[in-house]
Amino acid sequence: VYLKTSNNKWMKAQCDGTAEEAGSGTRFGFALHATLNGQPLIVQEGGTYTAGATITIGTVYCISDTAGGICALAAVPSASKITILGIGATTTTIDMAQKSYTGYAQP
């Protein structure tokens, strides 16, 4: 998710939209639960994220082109923005990246 600056609400991030939707120039992280529009949301923005899926150790994970999804760096489509979320640390966790690696254009 990313924090939309115009309304200060958390939105589903995606790499094939605007730079802001890809997390550039704003806050971004992992939503820790589902919610309805206008309801509170807990977002993890740093540290070690425990995923609800199998993680590949050493793989760089990014915001994907599916709104609210993540993918391996190799799966980011060309002409999309690259925002690194972190690196697979164990088969269930991602060590979250520094926030300065956001919004780079995929060649």
Protein backbone atom coordinates (compact mmCIF):
# COMPACT_ATOMS: atom_id res chain seq x y z
CA VAL A 1 0.00 0.00 0.00
CA TYR A 2 1.02 3.64 -0.40
CA LEU A 3 -0.18 6.79 1.37
CA LYS A 4 -2.00 8.98 -1.18
CA THR A 5 -0.91 12.55 -0.48
CA SER A 6 -4.07 14.26 -1.77
CA ASN A 7 -6.38 12.58 0.76
CA ASN A 8 -3.98 11.06 3.31
CA LYS A 9 -5.47 7.56 2.81
CA TRP A 10 -3.72 4.24 2.32
CA MET A 11 -4.33 2.85 -1.18
CA LYS A 12 -3.29 -0.32 -3.03
CA ALA A 13 0.09 0.27 -4.66
CA GLN A 14 0.95 -0.78 -8.21
CA CYS A 15 4.06 -0.33 -10.33
CA ASP A 16 2.34 0.36 -13.66
CA GLY A 17 0.39 3.43 -12.53
CA THR A 18 1.65 6.83 -11.43
CA ALA A 19 4.94 7.33 -9.57
CA GLU A 20 2.96 7.98 -6.38
CA GLU A 21 0.98 4.73 -6.83
CA ALA A 22 4.36 2.98 -7.01
CA GLY A 23 5.36 4.51 -3.65
CA SER A 24 7.59 7.31 -4.92
CA GLY A 25 7.54 10.51 -2.89
CA THR A 26 5.25 9.08 -0.23
CA ARG A 27 5.07 6.40 2.47
CA PHE A 28 4.54 2.75 1.55
CA GLY A 29 4.56 -0.65 3.19
CA PHE A 30 2.59 -3.83 3.82
CA ALA A 31 -1.06 -3.77 4.93
CA LEU A 32 -1.29 -6.14 7.89
CA HIS A 33 -5.01 -6.90 7.50
CA ALA A 34 -7.96 -6.33 5.19
CA THR A 35 -10.25 -3.36 5.73
CA LEU A 36 -13.16 -1.48 4.21
CA ASN A 37 -12.85 2.02 2.74
CA GLY A 38 -12.58 4.60 5.50
CA GLN A 39 -11.74 2.07 8.22
CA PRO A 40 -8.42 1.97 10.15
CA LEU A 41 -5.50 0.09 8.62
CA ILE A 42 -2.26 -1.06 10.22
CA VAL A 43 0.70 -0.71 7.84
CA GLN A 44 4.20 -2.08 8.41
CA GLU A 45 6.77 0.31 6.96
CA GLY A 46 10.03 -1.22 8.15
CA GLY A 47 11.68 -4.16 9.85
CA THR A 48 10.94 -7.79 9.10
CA TYR A 49 7.62 -8.55 7.42
CA THR A 50 6.12 -12.01 7.87
CA ALA A 51 4.41 -12.93 4.61
CA GLY A 52 1.39 -15.14 4.19
CA ALA A 53 3.11 -16.95 1.32
CA THR A 54 6.33 -18.79 0.55
CA ILE A 55 9.26 -16.42 0.13
CA THR A 56 12.43 -17.19 -1.81
CA ILE A 57 15.55 -16.40 0.22
CA GLY A 58 17.70 -13.73 -1.47
CA THR A 59 15.00 -12.63 -3.93
CA VAL A 60 14.36 -8.88 -4.21
CA TYR A 61 10.62 -8.17 -3.83
CA CYS A 62 8.91 -5.12 -5.36
CA ILE A 63 5.49 -3.54 -5.75
CA SER A 64 3.81 -5.42 -8.63
CA ASP A 65 1.54 -4.34 -11.47
CA THR A 66 -1.40 -5.99 -9.68
CA ALA A 67 -2.85 -3.38 -7.31
CA GLY A 68 -1.94 -4.40 -3.77
CA GLY A 69 0.41 -7.18 -4.87
CA ILE A 70 4.12 -7.89 -4.64
CA CYS A 71 6.43 -9.66 -7.07
CA ALA A 72 10.06 -10.55 -7.61
CA LEU A 73 12.18 -7.83 -9.22
CA ALA A 74 12.52 -9.99 -12.35
CA ALA A 75 8.70 -9.95 -12.77
CA VAL A 76 8.31 -6.15 -12.82
CA PRO A 77 7.03 -5.34 -16.33
CA SER A 78 9.10 -3.14 -18.62
CA ALA A 79 8.14 0.56 -18.58
CA SER A 80 6.89 0.21 -14.97
CA LYS A 81 8.31 1.87 -11.87
CA ILE A 82 10.53 -0.19 -9.58
CA THR A 83 9.93 0.14 -5.85
CA ILE A 84 11.91 -2.32 -3.78
CA LEU A 85 10.01 -3.57 -0.75
CA GLY A 86 12.75 -5.82 0.58
CA ILE A 87 14.72 -9.03 0.25
CA GLY A 88 13.61 -12.55 1.14
CA ALA A 89 15.34 -13.38 4.43
CA THR A 90 13.70 -16.72 5.20
CA THR A 91 11.00 -18.80 3.53
CA THR A 92 8.39 -16.73 5.40
CA THR A 93 9.93 -13.27 5.93
CA ILE A 94 11.07 -10.22 3.96
CA ASP A 95 13.62 -7.78 5.37
CA MET A 96 12.18 -4.43 4.32
CA ALA A 97 14.35 -2.06 2.25
CA GLN A 98 15.40 1.52 2.82
CA LYS A 99 12.73 3.93 1.62
CA SER A 100 15.03 5.73 -0.83
CA TYR A 101 14.73 2.99 -3.47
CA THR A 102 11.41 3.97 -5.06
CA GLY A 103 9.91 4.89 -8.42
CA TYR A 104 12.79 4.00 -10.73
CA ALA A 105 11.72 3.41 -14.33
CA GLN A 106 12.12 -0.17 -15.56
CA PRO A 107 14.16 -0.12 -18.79
